[in-house]
């Protein structure tokens, strides 16, 4: 038992219709396809023409760059400062939130002291 489909019976009429369709949809040149613009071929022709005539080629426009990368740590720290300011706390005021021992991970028991 293989992966390939089992052979199908194809009539001469079906085969001729398939070949006719392929022939009707085939072109000898991309120029025969209406509305198709081959930008690569045009750019290549421009390069060849410029080299033949010793012309300077226009450099492509620099890619548009998005906004500067966001520093998530800065955003987090700003969010903490804003939350403290909303509660009337200053940077020197200790937070009223519960403090956890160093190394504590949520959902786990706190680390035990070694003896």
N, C-alpha and C. Protein backbone atom coordinates (compact mmCIF):
# COMPACT_ATOMS: atom_id res chain seq x y z
N UNK A 1 0.86 -1.18 0.00
CA UNK A 1 0.00 0.00 0.00
C UNK A 1 0.90 1.24 0.00
N UNK A 2 0.79 2.03 -1.04
CA UNK A 2 1.64 3.21 -1.17
C UNK A 2 0.89 4.49 -0.89
N UNK A 3 1.63 5.58 -0.98
CA UNK A 3 1.06 6.89 -0.73
C UNK A 3 0.40 7.44 -1.99
N UNK A 4 0.91 7.07 -3.14
CA UNK A 4 0.39 7.58 -4.41
C UNK A 4 -1.04 7.11 -4.62
N UNK A 5 -1.87 7.94 -5.24
CA UNK A 5 -3.24 7.50 -5.51
C UNK A 5 -3.24 6.39 -6.55
N UNK A 6 -4.28 5.64 -6.51
CA UNK A 6 -4.36 4.54 -7.47
C UNK A 6 -4.61 5.13 -8.86
N UNK A 7 -4.16 4.43 -9.91
CA UNK A 7 -4.34 4.94 -11.28
C UNK A 7 -5.83 5.14 -11.59
N UNK A 8 -6.11 6.18 -12.34
CA UNK A 8 -7.49 6.47 -12.75
C UNK A 8 -7.62 6.28 -14.24
N UNK A 9 -8.77 5.87 -14.61
CA UNK A 9 -9.03 5.69 -16.04
C UNK A 9 -9.39 7.06 -16.63
N UNK A 10 -8.65 7.47 -17.68
CA UNK A 10 -8.88 8.75 -18.34
C UNK A 10 -9.16 8.45 -19.81
N UNK A 11 -10.26 8.98 -20.28
CA UNK A 11 -10.61 8.74 -21.68
C UNK A 11 -9.75 9.63 -22.58
N UNK A 12 -9.66 9.26 -23.83
CA UNK A 12 -8.93 10.06 -24.81
C UNK A 12 -9.53 11.46 -24.92
N UNK A 13 -10.85 11.57 -24.81
CA UNK A 13 -11.53 12.87 -24.90
C UNK A 13 -11.13 13.76 -23.72
N UNK A 14 -11.07 13.20 -22.49
CA UNK A 14 -10.67 13.97 -21.30
C UNK A 14 -9.21 14.42 -21.42
N UNK A 15 -8.36 13.52 -21.89
CA UNK A 15 -6.95 13.85 -22.06
C UNK A 15 -6.77 14.95 -23.10
N UNK A 16 -7.49 14.89 -24.18
CA UNK A 16 -7.40 15.91 -25.23
C UNK A 16 -7.90 17.25 -24.70
N UNK A 17 -8.98 17.25 -23.91
CA UNK A 17 -9.51 18.50 -23.34
C UNK A 17 -8.50 19.10 -22.37
N UNK A 18 -7.84 18.27 -21.55
CA UNK A 18 -6.83 18.77 -20.61
C UNK A 18 -5.66 19.38 -21.36
N UNK A 19 -5.20 18.73 -22.41
CA UNK A 19 -4.09 19.26 -23.20
C UNK A 19 -4.48 20.55 -23.91
N UNK A 20 -5.71 20.63 -24.39
CA UNK A 20 -6.19 21.86 -25.02
C UNK A 20 -6.22 23.01 -24.02
N UNK A 21 -6.66 22.74 -22.78
CA UNK A 21 -6.71 23.76 -21.73
C UNK A 21 -5.31 24.25 -21.40
N UNK A 22 -4.37 23.32 -21.27
CA UNK A 22 -2.98 23.71 -20.98
C UNK A 22 -2.43 24.57 -22.11
N UNK A 23 -2.69 24.19 -23.32
CA UNK A 23 -2.21 24.95 -24.48
C UNK A 23 -2.84 26.34 -24.52
N UNK A 24 -4.14 26.42 -24.21
CA UNK A 24 -4.84 27.71 -24.24
C UNK A 24 -4.33 28.65 -23.16
N UNK A 25 -3.92 28.11 -22.03
CA UNK A 25 -3.47 28.94 -20.91
C UNK A 25 -1.97 29.21 -20.92
N UNK A 26 -1.25 28.60 -21.83
CA UNK A 26 0.21 28.77 -21.89
C UNK A 26 0.57 29.99 -22.72
N UNK A 27 1.69 30.61 -22.36
CA UNK A 27 2.19 31.74 -23.12
C UNK A 27 3.67 31.51 -23.41
N UNK A 28 4.14 32.12 -24.48
CA UNK A 28 5.55 31.99 -24.83
C UNK A 28 6.38 33.08 -24.16
N UNK A 29 5.72 34.16 -23.77
CA UNK A 29 6.42 35.28 -23.17
C UNK A 29 5.51 35.91 -22.12
N UNK A 30 6.12 36.44 -21.06
CA UNK A 30 5.34 37.11 -20.02
C UNK A 30 4.66 38.37 -20.56
N UNK A 31 5.16 38.89 -21.67
CA UNK A 31 4.55 40.07 -22.29
C UNK A 31 3.14 39.78 -22.80
N UNK A 32 2.82 38.50 -22.98
CA UNK A 32 1.51 38.13 -23.50
C UNK A 32 0.43 38.14 -22.41
N UNK A 33 0.81 38.30 -21.16
CA UNK A 33 -0.16 38.30 -20.07
C UNK A 33 -0.59 39.73 -19.80
N UNK A 34 -1.87 40.05 -20.05
CA UNK A 34 -2.32 41.43 -19.84
C UNK A 34 -2.30 41.80 -18.35
N UNK A 35 -1.86 43.01 -18.07
CA UNK A 35 -1.86 43.50 -16.70
C UNK A 35 -0.67 43.06 -15.86
N UNK A 36 0.20 42.22 -16.40
CA UNK A 36 1.36 41.76 -15.64
C UNK A 36 2.52 42.72 -15.84
N UNK A 37 3.10 43.16 -14.75
CA UNK A 37 4.28 44.01 -14.82
C UNK A 37 5.43 43.27 -14.19
N UNK A 38 6.43 42.97 -14.97
CA UNK A 38 7.60 42.27 -14.47
C UNK A 38 8.62 43.31 -14.01
N UNK A 39 8.54 43.67 -12.75
CA UNK A 39 9.40 44.74 -12.22
C UNK A 39 10.87 44.30 -12.15
N UNK A 40 11.10 43.02 -11.92
CA UNK A 40 12.48 42.54 -11.86
C UNK A 40 13.16 42.70 -13.22
N UNK A 41 12.47 42.29 -14.26
CA UNK A 41 13.05 42.40 -15.60
C UNK A 41 13.31 43.86 -15.95
N UNK A 42 12.38 44.76 -15.57
CA UNK A 42 12.57 46.19 -15.85
C UNK A 42 13.77 46.74 -15.09
N UNK A 43 13.90 46.37 -13.80
CA UNK A 43 15.03 46.84 -13.00
C UNK A 43 16.34 46.31 -13.57
N UNK A 44 16.35 45.07 -14.00
CA UNK A 44 17.56 44.50 -14.60
C UNK A 44 17.91 45.22 -15.90
N UNK A 45 16.91 45.51 -16.70
CA UNK A 45 17.15 46.24 -17.94
C UNK A 45 17.71 47.63 -17.64
N UNK A 46 17.21 48.28 -16.59
CA UNK A 46 17.72 49.60 -16.20
C UNK A 46 19.19 49.52 -15.79
N UNK A 47 19.56 48.46 -15.07
CA UNK A 47 20.96 48.29 -14.64
C UNK A 47 21.85 48.08 -15.86
N UNK A 48 21.43 47.21 -16.75
CA UNK A 48 22.23 46.94 -17.95
C UNK A 48 22.38 48.22 -18.78
N UNK A 49 21.28 48.95 -18.97
CA UNK A 49 21.31 50.18 -19.75
C UNK A 49 22.25 51.20 -19.09
N UNK A 50 22.18 51.33 -17.77
CA UNK A 50 23.03 52.29 -17.06
C UNK A 50 24.50 51.90 -17.21
N UNK A 51 24.80 50.61 -17.13
CA UNK A 51 26.20 50.19 -17.27
C UNK A 51 26.70 50.42 -18.69
N UNK A 52 25.82 50.20 -19.67
CA UNK A 52 26.21 50.43 -21.06
C UNK A 52 26.51 51.90 -21.31
N UNK A 53 25.80 52.78 -20.67
CA UNK A 53 25.96 54.21 -20.91
C UNK A 53 26.72 54.90 -19.79
N UNK A 54 27.32 54.13 -18.90
CA UNK A 54 28.12 54.65 -17.78
C UNK A 54 27.36 55.69 -16.96
N UNK A 55 26.12 55.37 -16.65
CA UNK A 55 25.29 56.27 -15.85
C UNK A 55 25.29 55.83 -14.39
N UNK A 56 25.08 56.78 -13.49
CA UNK A 56 24.92 56.45 -12.09
C UNK A 56 23.50 55.92 -11.87
N UNK A 57 23.42 54.84 -11.13
CA UNK A 57 22.11 54.28 -10.83
C UNK A 57 21.52 54.97 -9.61
N UNK A 58 20.25 55.19 -9.64
CA UNK A 58 19.58 55.77 -8.47
C UNK A 58 19.58 54.73 -7.37
N UNK A 59 19.97 55.14 -6.21
CA UNK A 59 19.96 54.24 -5.07
C UNK A 59 18.51 54.03 -4.62
N UNK A 60 18.20 52.80 -4.18
CA UNK A 60 16.84 52.60 -3.68
C UNK A 60 16.60 53.43 -2.44
N UNK A 61 15.36 53.86 -2.26
CA UNK A 61 15.02 54.65 -1.07
C UNK A 61 15.27 53.81 0.17
N UNK A 62 15.72 54.46 1.21
CA UNK A 62 15.99 53.74 2.45
C UNK A 62 14.68 53.21 3.01
N UNK A 63 14.75 52.05 3.59
CA UNK A 63 13.55 51.44 4.14
C UNK A 63 12.99 52.30 5.25
N UNK A 64 11.68 52.39 5.28
CA UNK A 64 11.03 53.14 6.35
C UNK A 64 11.23 52.40 7.66
N UNK A 65 11.59 53.11 8.66
CA UNK A 65 11.80 52.49 9.96
C UNK A 65 10.68 52.91 10.89
N UNK A 66 10.31 51.99 11.74
CA UNK A 66 9.25 52.25 12.71
C UNK A 66 9.78 53.05 13.88
N UNK A 67 8.95 53.22 14.89
CA UNK A 67 9.40 53.96 16.07
C UNK A 67 10.53 53.22 16.77
N UNK A 68 11.21 53.94 17.64
CA UNK A 68 12.31 53.34 18.36
C UNK A 68 11.81 52.15 19.17
N UNK A 69 12.68 51.16 19.39
CA UNK A 69 12.26 50.00 20.18
C UNK A 69 11.82 50.44 21.58
N UNK A 70 10.87 49.74 22.12
CA UNK A 70 10.35 50.06 23.45
C UNK A 70 11.16 49.30 24.49
N UNK A 71 11.58 50.01 25.52
CA UNK A 71 12.28 49.37 26.63
C UNK A 71 11.23 48.97 27.65
N UNK A 72 10.95 47.68 27.72
CA UNK A 72 9.88 47.20 28.59
C UNK A 72 10.18 47.46 30.06
N UNK A 73 11.45 47.40 30.45
CA UNK A 73 11.80 47.65 31.84
C UNK A 73 11.51 49.10 32.21
N UNK A 74 11.83 50.03 31.32
CA UNK A 74 11.51 51.44 31.57
C UNK A 74 10.01 51.64 31.71
N UNK A 75 9.24 50.98 30.84
CA UNK A 75 7.79 51.11 30.90
C UNK A 75 7.25 50.54 32.22
N UNK A 76 7.79 49.40 32.66
CA UNK A 76 7.36 48.80 33.91
C UNK A 76 7.68 49.72 35.09
N UNK A 77 8.89 50.26 35.11
CA UNK A 77 9.27 51.15 36.19
C UNK A 77 8.40 52.41 36.19
N UNK A 78 8.09 52.95 35.02
CA UNK A 78 7.22 54.11 34.94
C UNK A 78 5.83 53.77 35.45
N UNK A 79 5.35 52.60 35.12
CA UNK A 79 4.04 52.16 35.58
C UNK A 79 4.00 52.05 37.10
N UNK A 80 5.07 51.54 37.69
CA UNK A 80 5.17 51.44 39.16
C UNK A 80 5.18 52.83 39.77
N UNK A 81 5.97 53.74 39.18
CA UNK A 81 6.02 55.12 39.70
C UNK A 81 4.64 55.78 39.62
N UNK A 82 3.94 55.57 38.50
CA UNK A 82 2.61 56.15 38.34
C UNK A 82 1.63 55.59 39.36
N UNK A 83 1.70 54.27 39.59
CA UNK A 83 0.80 53.65 40.57
C UNK A 83 1.08 54.17 41.96
N UNK A 84 2.35 54.34 42.31
CA UNK A 84 2.71 54.88 43.63
C UNK A 84 2.23 56.32 43.77
N UNK A 85 2.38 57.09 42.71
CA UNK A 85 1.93 58.48 42.74
C UNK A 85 0.41 58.54 42.91
N UNK A 86 -0.32 57.63 42.26
CA UNK A 86 -1.77 57.58 42.40
C UNK A 86 -2.19 57.27 43.83
N UNK A 87 -1.35 56.48 44.53
CA UNK A 87 -1.65 56.14 45.93
C UNK A 87 -1.10 57.18 46.89
N UNK A 88 -0.40 58.18 46.39
CA UNK A 88 0.16 59.22 47.24
C UNK A 88 1.48 58.84 47.86
N UNK A 89 2.11 57.81 47.35
CA UNK A 89 3.41 57.38 47.87
C UNK A 89 4.52 58.10 47.10
N UNK A 90 5.67 58.18 47.74
CA UNK A 90 6.85 58.70 47.06
C UNK A 90 7.82 57.55 46.88
N UNK A 91 8.90 57.82 46.21
CA UNK A 91 9.90 56.77 45.98
C UNK A 91 10.49 56.27 47.29
N UNK A 92 10.53 57.16 48.30
CA UNK A 92 11.11 56.78 49.59
C UNK A 92 10.12 56.03 50.47
N UNK A 93 8.83 56.16 50.20
CA UNK A 93 7.81 55.50 51.01
C UNK A 93 7.81 54.02 50.69
N UNK A 94 7.92 53.18 51.71
CA UNK A 94 7.86 51.74 51.42
C UNK A 94 6.47 51.36 50.93
N UNK A 95 6.43 50.42 50.05
CA UNK A 95 5.16 49.97 49.51
C UNK A 95 4.36 49.26 50.59
N UNK A 96 3.06 49.40 50.55
CA UNK A 96 2.21 48.73 51.53
C UNK A 96 1.87 47.32 51.07
N UNK A 97 2.33 46.96 49.88
CA UNK A 97 2.03 45.62 49.39
C UNK A 97 2.87 44.60 50.16
N UNK A 98 2.41 43.39 50.14
CA UNK A 98 3.10 42.30 50.83
C UNK A 98 4.48 42.10 50.24
N UNK A 99 5.45 41.95 51.06
CA UNK A 99 6.80 41.68 50.54
C UNK A 99 7.06 40.19 50.64
N UNK A 100 7.79 39.68 49.70
CA UNK A 100 8.12 38.26 49.66
C UNK A 100 9.59 38.10 49.93
N UNK A 101 9.96 36.98 50.52
CA UNK A 101 11.39 36.75 50.75
C UNK A 101 12.11 36.59 49.43
N UNK A 102 13.41 36.90 49.39
CA UNK A 102 14.18 36.74 48.14
C UNK A 102 14.11 35.30 47.66
N UNK A 103 13.99 35.13 46.38
CA UNK A 103 13.97 33.79 45.79
C UNK A 103 12.59 33.17 45.77
N UNK A 104 11.57 33.85 46.31
CA UNK A 104 10.21 33.29 46.31
C UNK A 104 9.63 33.32 44.91
N UNK A 105 9.01 32.21 44.56
CA UNK A 105 8.33 32.13 43.27
C UNK A 105 6.85 31.87 43.53
N UNK A 106 5.97 32.59 42.87
CA UNK A 106 4.54 32.38 43.08
C UNK A 106 4.15 30.93 42.84
N UNK A 107 3.29 30.43 43.70
CA UNK A 107 2.82 29.05 43.54
C UNK A 107 3.75 28.02 44.15
N UNK A 108 4.81 28.44 44.77
CA UNK A 108 5.75 27.51 45.38
C UNK A 108 5.99 27.90 46.82
N UNK A 109 6.42 26.95 47.59
CA UNK A 109 6.76 27.25 48.98
C UNK A 109 7.99 28.12 49.02
N UNK A 110 8.07 29.03 50.02
CA UNK A 110 9.28 29.87 50.12
C UNK A 110 10.50 28.99 50.38
N UNK A 111 11.68 29.46 49.99
CA UNK A 111 12.89 28.67 50.21
C UNK A 111 13.13 28.45 51.71
N UNK A 112 13.63 27.29 52.04
CA UNK A 112 13.91 26.96 53.44
C UNK A 112 15.35 27.30 53.77
N UNK A 113 15.56 27.65 55.01
CA UNK A 113 16.92 27.95 55.47
C UNK A 113 17.71 26.65 55.56
N UNK A 114 18.94 26.70 55.16
CA UNK A 114 19.81 25.52 55.26
C UNK A 114 20.39 25.46 56.65
N UNK A 115 20.46 24.28 57.16
CA UNK A 115 21.01 24.10 58.50
C UNK A 115 22.29 23.33 58.46
